[in-house]
Amino acid sequence: MIHQNNHLRDLMIPKSRLDSFFSFPFFTYLVRAFYLVIKIIMNRNELMTWTVYQRSISGRRFRRNNYLFQGTSSLLKKKKREKVGGEMTRRYWNINLEEMMEAGVHFGHGTRKWNPRMAPYISAKRKGIHITNLTRTARFLSEACDLVFDAASRGKHFLIVGTKNKAADSVASAAIRARCHYVNKKWLGGMLTNWSTTETRLHKFRDLRAEQKTGKFNRLPKRDAAMLKRQLSHLQTYLGGIKYMTGLPDIVIIVDQQEEYTALRECLTLGIPTICLIDTNCDPDLADISIPANDDAIASIRLILNKLVSAICEGRSSSIRNR
């Protein structure tokens, strides 16, 4: 019995070694290693999926660029034919890539604020910012110009929406030039889906404007006149761009999908075709025609709107000539 106890005592670990084994730094490292192993196991499938996605995107981008180069050559051939024939074809809208570069159309948002669905429209990364593929921008802008040209030639009505401060002035000037309806201050919820209420407010707005022009406010007490003037100013701010709209628009042009998401959802609910100016943080699948471009630069917004407005004006002039 004494011999057995001595044997067990020889097998026991010294107390000093046990203290070092169960010390605090050792357990800290052990917990960290265990956490890293669990994290790697949980993210393994996601990392593998992302690698396959990146490889597929790079392959599609190569094939897409080849296709777009062929489209650019066809546009150049059309331009030569126009010079020879003397007639301007409807497909050519004088979209210059250098002009788009100068306007900053190619600048996107930061790489941390991007939408993965915008990967086919992104060509590179520079200093933490995504760079938009201008060739695809020119292609979709040309398709949008064709669409608004055909709609304008058939007498369709347009609504331009852009309420952010950088786009408000450009939206108003472009809409006035093309004789379109516009919203550039605030999109009131239900402006299209609850059209009956909006139409009632528009009738009230027209009546107040008529009373102001006829001088009826001057014959009212000061308090009542001030209240009506305040109401008229409020309606002018939010409904001034659609005061002549008598029904739902046929096509809606939206600047900045993120800012005007409510308007886009209403158009989707009612089945109204939409043309969206989207940045790298947007979803290109929501709109009928998405134009990838910089929606934060005034020059970029003005350039895109000017191209669309020019197509609308040409479509309306062609319809007048064909009468």
Protein backbone atom coordinates (compact mmCIF):
# COMPACT_ATOMS: atom_id res chain seq x y z
CA MET A 1 0.00 0.00 0.00
CA ILE A 2 2.83 2.35 0.84
CA HIS A 3 4.59 1.40 -2.38
CA GLN A 4 1.41 2.17 -4.40
CA ASN A 5 0.99 5.62 -2.85
CA ASN A 6 4.60 6.46 -3.63
CA HIS A 7 4.00 5.48 -7.24
CA LEU A 8 0.95 7.71 -7.52
CA ARG A 9 2.85 10.56 -5.90
CA ASP A 10 5.54 10.24 -8.56
CA LEU A 11 2.94 10.51 -11.33
CA MET A 12 1.36 13.70 -9.99
CA ILE A 13 2.22 17.03 -11.65
CA PRO A 14 3.92 19.60 -9.42
CA LYS A 15 1.74 22.43 -8.14
CA SER A 16 3.89 25.13 -9.79
CA ARG A 17 3.33 23.54 -13.21
CA LEU A 18 -0.43 23.42 -12.61
CA ASP A 19 -0.43 27.14 -11.78
CA SER A 20 1.40 27.96 -15.02
CA PHE A 21 -0.92 25.65 -17.01
CA PHE A 22 -4.08 27.33 -15.72
CA SER A 23 -2.64 30.85 -15.86
CA PHE A 24 -4.74 33.71 -17.36
CA PRO A 25 -2.76 34.38 -20.62
CA PHE A 26 -2.92 30.74 -21.60
CA PHE A 27 -6.72 30.62 -21.37
CA THR A 28 -6.98 33.91 -23.28
CA TYR A 29 -5.01 32.49 -26.19
CA LEU A 30 -7.00 29.26 -26.04
CA VAL A 31 -10.34 31.12 -26.24
CA ARG A 32 -9.09 33.25 -29.14
CA ALA A 33 -7.93 30.19 -31.07
CA PHE A 34 -11.25 28.42 -30.45
CA TYR A 35 -13.15 31.52 -31.64
CA LEU A 36 -11.08 31.77 -34.83
CA VAL A 37 -11.63 28.09 -35.63
CA ILE A 38 -15.41 28.47 -35.25
CA LYS A 39 -15.40 31.64 -37.35
CA ILE A 40 -13.45 29.97 -40.16
CA ILE A 41 -15.79 26.95 -40.16
CA MET A 42 -18.91 29.14 -40.25
CA ASN A 43 -17.62 31.43 -43.00
CA ARG A 44 -16.10 28.71 -45.14
CA ASN A 45 -19.12 28.29 -47.42
CA GLU A 46 -19.59 32.04 -47.70
CA LEU A 47 -15.95 32.59 -48.67
CA MET A 48 -16.07 29.81 -51.24
CA THR A 49 -19.29 31.24 -52.70
CA TRP A 50 -17.76 34.73 -52.88
CA THR A 51 -14.67 33.39 -54.68
CA VAL A 52 -16.80 31.61 -57.28
CA TYR A 53 -18.93 34.75 -57.65
CA GLN A 54 -15.88 36.95 -58.27
CA ARG A 55 -14.53 34.52 -60.87
CA SER A 56 -17.87 34.38 -62.69
CA ILE A 57 -18.17 38.17 -62.61
CA SER A 58 -14.68 38.61 -64.08
CA GLY A 59 -15.47 36.15 -66.86
CA ARG A 60 -18.78 37.84 -67.67
CA ARG A 61 -17.10 41.24 -67.61
CA PHE A 62 -14.57 40.10 -70.22
CA ARG A 63 -17.28 38.76 -72.52
CA ARG A 64 -19.45 41.82 -71.90
CA ASN A 65 -16.63 44.23 -72.76
CA ASN A 66 -16.06 42.41 -76.05
CA TYR A 67 -19.76 42.71 -76.86
CA LEU A 68 -19.79 46.40 -75.95
CA PHE A 69 -16.77 47.08 -78.13
CA GLN A 70 -18.71 45.55 -81.02
CA GLY A 71 -21.66 47.81 -80.16
CA THR A 72 -19.38 50.86 -80.16
CA SER A 73 -18.03 49.96 -83.59
CA SER A 74 -21.58 49.63 -84.90
CA LEU A 75 -22.38 53.08 -83.54
CA LEU A 76 -19.35 54.45 -85.35
CA LYS A 77 -20.53 52.79 -88.57
CA LYS A 78 -23.94 54.41 -88.13
CA LYS A 79 -22.30 57.75 -87.63
CA LYS A 80 -20.40 57.35 -90.92
CA ARG A 81 -23.63 56.40 -92.67
CA GLU A 82 -25.28 59.52 -91.30
CA LYS A 83 -22.54 61.69 -92.73
CA VAL A 84 -22.91 60.03 -96.12
CA GLY A 85 -26.71 59.95 -96.25
CA GLY A 86 -27.27 63.34 -94.62
CA GLU A 87 -30.07 62.03 -92.36
CA MET A 88 -29.80 61.57 -88.62
CA THR A 89 -30.83 58.15 -87.42
CA ARG A 90 -32.89 57.88 -84.28
CA ARG A 91 -30.39 55.58 -82.55
CA TYR A 92 -27.56 58.09 -82.35
CA TRP A 93 -27.81 60.57 -79.48
CA ASN A 94 -24.33 62.12 -79.50
CA ILE A 95 -23.27 60.47 -76.24
CA ASN A 96 -19.60 61.29 -75.77
CA LEU A 97 -17.55 59.31 -73.25
CA GLU A 98 -15.05 62.16 -72.82
CA GLU A 99 -17.87 64.52 -71.91
CA MET A 100 -19.12 62.00 -69.38
CA MET A 101 -15.64 61.71 -67.90
CA GLU A 102 -15.39 65.48 -67.51
CA ALA A 103 -18.78 65.56 -65.76
CA GLY A 104 -17.66 62.87 -63.29
CA VAL A 105 -20.31 60.36 -64.34
CA HIS A 106 -17.92 57.47 -63.68
CA PHE A 107 -17.42 58.15 -59.96
CA GLY A 108 -19.37 55.87 -57.64
CA HIS A 109 -19.72 55.49 -53.91
CA GLY A 110 -17.16 54.03 -51.53
CA THR A 111 -16.35 50.35 -51.75
CA ARG A 112 -17.97 49.75 -48.35
CA LYS A 113 -21.33 51.19 -49.47
CA TRP A 114 -21.86 49.23 -52.65
CA ASN A 115 -24.65 46.90 -53.71
CA PRO A 116 -23.34 43.53 -55.01
CA ARG A 117 -25.98 43.61 -57.76
CA MET A 118 -24.11 46.57 -59.25
CA ALA A 119 -21.02 44.41 -59.90
CA PRO A 120 -21.69 44.09 -63.67
CA TYR A 121 -21.72 47.89 -63.97
CA ILE A 122 -18.46 48.49 -62.06
CA SER A 123 -15.18 48.42 -63.94
CA ALA A 124 -12.54 49.16 -61.28
CA LYS A 125 -11.70 50.49 -57.81
CA ARG A 126 -9.63 53.62 -57.24
CA LYS A 127 -8.69 54.91 -53.78
CA GLY A 128 -11.60 53.23 -52.06
CA ILE A 129 -14.17 54.36 -54.68
CA HIS A 130 -15.88 52.24 -57.32
CA ILE A 131 -15.57 53.36 -60.93
CA THR A 132 -18.61 52.88 -63.16
CA ASN A 133 -18.25 51.37 -66.62
CA LEU A 134 -19.05 54.34 -68.88
CA THR A 135 -19.57 52.11 -71.90
CA ARG A 136 -22.52 50.47 -70.21
CA THR A 137 -23.75 53.86 -69.02
CA ALA A 138 -23.73 55.13 -72.61
CA ARG A 139 -25.55 52.02 -73.78
CA PHE A 140 -28.38 52.28 -71.25
CA LEU A 141 -28.62 56.04 -71.69
CA SER A 142 -29.08 55.46 -75.42
CA GLU A 143 -31.84 52.93 -74.73
CA ALA A 144 -33.54 55.40 -72.38
CA CYS A 145 -33.36 58.10 -75.04
CA ASP A 146 -34.95 55.74 -77.57
CA LEU A 147 -37.73 54.97 -75.11
CA VAL A 148 -38.57 58.59 -74.29
CA PHE A 149 -38.31 59.54 -77.99
CA ASP A 150 -40.93 56.94 -78.95
CA ALA A 151 -43.15 57.90 -76.01
CA ALA A 152 -42.93 61.62 -76.77
CA SER A 153 -43.70 61.04 -80.44
CA ARG A 154 -46.92 59.29 -79.33
CA GLY A 155 -47.89 62.15 -77.02
CA LYS A 156 -47.11 60.47 -73.70
CA HIS A 157 -46.68 62.41 -70.46
CA PHE A 158 -43.53 62.39 -68.31
CA LEU A 159 -42.80 63.00 -64.65
CA ILE A 160 -39.27 63.83 -63.45
CA VAL A 161 -38.54 63.21 -59.76
CA GLY A 162 -35.47 64.49 -57.91
CA THR A 163 -35.83 66.01 -54.45
CA LYS A 164 -32.23 66.11 -53.23
CA ASN A 165 -30.65 69.56 -53.03
CA LYS A 166 -28.05 68.84 -55.71
CA ALA A 167 -30.68 67.72 -58.22
CA ALA A 168 -33.60 70.06 -57.48
CA ASP A 169 -32.57 72.93 -59.77
CA SER A 170 -31.49 70.65 -62.61
CA VAL A 171 -34.77 68.71 -62.41
CA ALA A 172 -36.86 71.89 -62.51
CA SER A 173 -34.99 73.45 -65.44
CA ALA A 174 -35.00 70.20 -67.45
CA ALA A 175 -38.72 69.63 -66.86
CA ILE A 176 -39.63 73.19 -67.83
CA ARG A 177 -37.54 72.90 -70.98
CA ALA A 178 -39.26 69.65 -72.02
CA ARG A 179 -42.72 70.73 -70.77
CA CYS A 180 -42.84 67.81 -68.31
CA HIS A 181 -44.23 67.51 -64.81
CA TYR A 182 -41.71 67.40 -61.99
CA VAL A 183 -41.31 67.00 -58.22
CA ASN A 184 -38.17 68.59 -56.79
CA LYS A 185 -38.98 69.47 -53.17
CA LYS A 186 -40.52 66.51 -51.38
CA TRP A 187 -42.31 63.40 -52.51
CA LEU A 188 -45.57 63.15 -50.62
CA GLY A 189 -46.47 59.57 -49.84
CA GLY A 190 -49.33 58.33 -52.00
CA MET A 191 -48.93 61.03 -54.62
CA LEU A 192 -49.58 58.45 -57.34
CA THR A 193 -51.16 55.49 -55.57
CA ASN A 194 -53.67 57.79 -53.84
CA TRP A 195 -54.29 59.88 -56.93
CA SER A 196 -57.84 60.88 -55.97
CA THR A 197 -56.57 62.79 -52.92
CA THR A 198 -53.75 64.35 -54.93
CA GLU A 199 -56.21 65.46 -57.59
CA THR A 200 -58.39 67.07 -54.91
CA ARG A 201 -55.41 69.03 -53.61
CA LEU A 202 -54.54 70.09 -57.16
CA HIS A 203 -58.07 71.46 -57.66
CA LYS A 204 -57.73 73.38 -54.40
CA PHE A 205 -54.36 74.71 -55.56
CA ARG A 206 -55.78 75.91 -58.89
CA ASP A 207 -58.71 77.59 -57.17
CA LEU A 208 -56.43 79.47 -54.77
CA ARG A 209 -54.20 80.62 -57.63
CA ALA A 210 -57.25 81.87 -59.53
CA GLU A 211 -58.49 83.75 -56.46
CA GLN A 212 -55.09 85.33 -55.98
CA LYS A 213 -54.93 86.49 -59.61
CA THR A 214 -58.40 87.99 -59.48
CA GLY A 215 -57.54 89.92 -56.30
CA LYS A 216 -60.02 88.16 -54.03
CA PHE A 217 -57.45 87.93 -51.24
CA ASN A 218 -57.37 91.73 -51.00
CA ARG A 219 -61.07 91.87 -50.16
CA LEU A 220 -60.78 89.37 -47.29
CA PRO A 221 -59.81 90.14 -43.68
CA LYS A 222 -56.07 90.14 -43.07
CA ARG A 223 -56.16 86.98 -40.98
CA ASP A 224 -58.10 84.98 -43.59
CA ALA A 225 -55.95 86.32 -46.43
CA ALA A 226 -52.74 85.43 -44.57
CA MET A 227 -54.04 81.91 -43.89
CA LEU A 228 -54.95 81.38 -47.56
CA LYS A 229 -51.60 82.76 -48.72
CA ARG A 230 -49.79 80.40 -46.37
CA GLN A 231 -51.81 77.47 -47.70
CA LEU A 232 -51.11 78.55 -51.29
CA SER A 233 -47.38 78.80 -50.59
CA HIS A 234 -47.38 75.30 -49.08
CA LEU A 235 -49.17 73.85 -52.10
CA GLN A 236 -46.85 75.70 -54.48
CA THR A 237 -43.83 74.20 -52.75
CA TYR A 238 -44.94 70.57 -52.97
CA LEU A 239 -47.37 70.52 -55.91
CA GLY A 240 -46.09 73.39 -58.06
CA GLY A 241 -44.37 71.06 -60.52
CA ILE A 242 -47.50 68.95 -61.15
CA LYS A 243 -50.15 71.68 -61.11
CA TYR A 244 -51.11 70.96 -64.72
CA MET A 245 -51.10 67.15 -64.37
CA THR A 246 -54.57 65.73 -64.98
CA GLY A 247 -53.79 62.01 -64.65
CA LEU A 248 -51.10 59.48 -63.89
CA PRO A 249 -47.88 59.89 -65.90
CA ASP A 250 -46.91 57.42 -68.60
CA ILE A 251 -43.17 57.38 -67.79
CA VAL A 252 -41.38 58.47 -64.60
CA ILE A 253 -37.72 59.56 -64.62
CA ILE A 254 -36.13 59.23 -61.17
CA VAL A 255 -32.85 60.79 -60.01
CA ASP A 256 -31.22 58.84 -57.15
CA GLN A 257 -33.04 55.60 -56.47
CA GLN A 258 -32.14 55.58 -52.77
CA GLU A 259 -33.57 59.05 -52.15
CA GLU A 260 -36.75 58.48 -54.17
CA TYR A 261 -37.46 54.90 -53.10
CA THR A 262 -41.07 55.73 -52.15
CA ALA A 263 -41.78 57.14 -55.60
CA LEU A 264 -40.20 54.08 -57.22
CA ARG A 265 -42.33 51.71 -55.15
CA GLU A 266 -45.49 53.58 -56.13
CA CYS A 267 -44.55 53.31 -59.81
CA LEU A 268 -43.92 49.59 -59.42
CA THR A 269 -47.28 49.17 -57.71
CA LEU A 270 -49.11 50.98 -60.52
CA GLY A 271 -47.05 49.44 -63.33
CA ILE A 272 -45.67 52.77 -64.56
CA PRO A 273 -42.42 52.43 -66.57
CA THR A 274 -39.45 54.00 -64.79
CA ILE A 275 -36.04 55.29 -65.84
CA CYS A 276 -33.68 55.47 -62.87
CA LEU A 277 -30.34 57.18 -62.40
CA ILE A 278 -28.54 54.70 -60.12
CA ASP A 279 -25.23 54.80 -58.29
CA THR A 280 -23.13 51.89 -57.03
CA ASN A 281 -25.23 51.60 -53.84
CA CYS A 282 -28.54 51.00 -55.70
CA ASP A 283 -30.43 47.97 -57.00
CA PRO A 284 -30.46 47.94 -60.82
CA ASP A 285 -33.28 45.38 -61.01
CA LEU A 286 -36.03 47.63 -59.62
CA ALA A 287 -36.36 50.06 -62.55
CA ASP A 288 -37.26 49.26 -66.15
CA ILE A 289 -34.16 51.08 -67.44
CA SER A 290 -31.34 51.75 -64.98
CA ILE A 291 -28.63 54.23 -65.98
CA PRO A 292 -25.49 53.66 -63.87
CA ALA A 293 -24.00 57.08 -63.16
CA ASN A 294 -22.94 59.42 -60.40
CA ASP A 295 -26.06 60.74 -58.69
CA ASP A 296 -24.20 63.09 -56.31
CA ALA A 297 -22.50 65.41 -58.82
CA ILE A 298 -24.54 68.28 -60.26
CA ALA A 299 -22.70 68.09 -63.59
CA SER A 300 -23.43 64.36 -63.92
CA ILE A 301 -27.15 64.80 -63.16
CA ARG A 302 -27.41 67.73 -65.55
CA LEU A 303 -25.70 65.78 -68.36
CA ILE A 304 -28.01 62.75 -68.06
CA LEU A 305 -31.14 64.91 -67.83
CA ASN A 306 -30.10 67.03 -70.80
CA LYS A 307 -29.74 63.92 -72.98
CA LEU A 308 -33.16 62.64 -71.96
CA VAL A 309 -34.79 66.05 -72.38
CA SER A 310 -33.26 66.47 -75.83
CA ALA A 311 -34.73 63.10 -76.86
CA ILE A 312 -38.15 64.15 -75.52
CA CYS A 313 -38.04 67.45 -77.41
CA GLU A 314 -37.02 65.72 -80.63
CA GLY A 315 -39.80 63.16 -80.23
CA ARG A 316 -42.41 65.87 -79.79
CA SER A 317 -41.11 67.87 -82.72
CA SER A 318 -41.17 64.75 -84.92
CA SER A 319 -44.79 64.10 -83.93
CA ILE A 320 -45.68 67.67 -84.92
CA ARG A 321 -43.95 67.26 -88.29
CA ASN A 322 -45.81 64.00 -88.98
CA ARG A 323 -49.26 65.52 -88.45
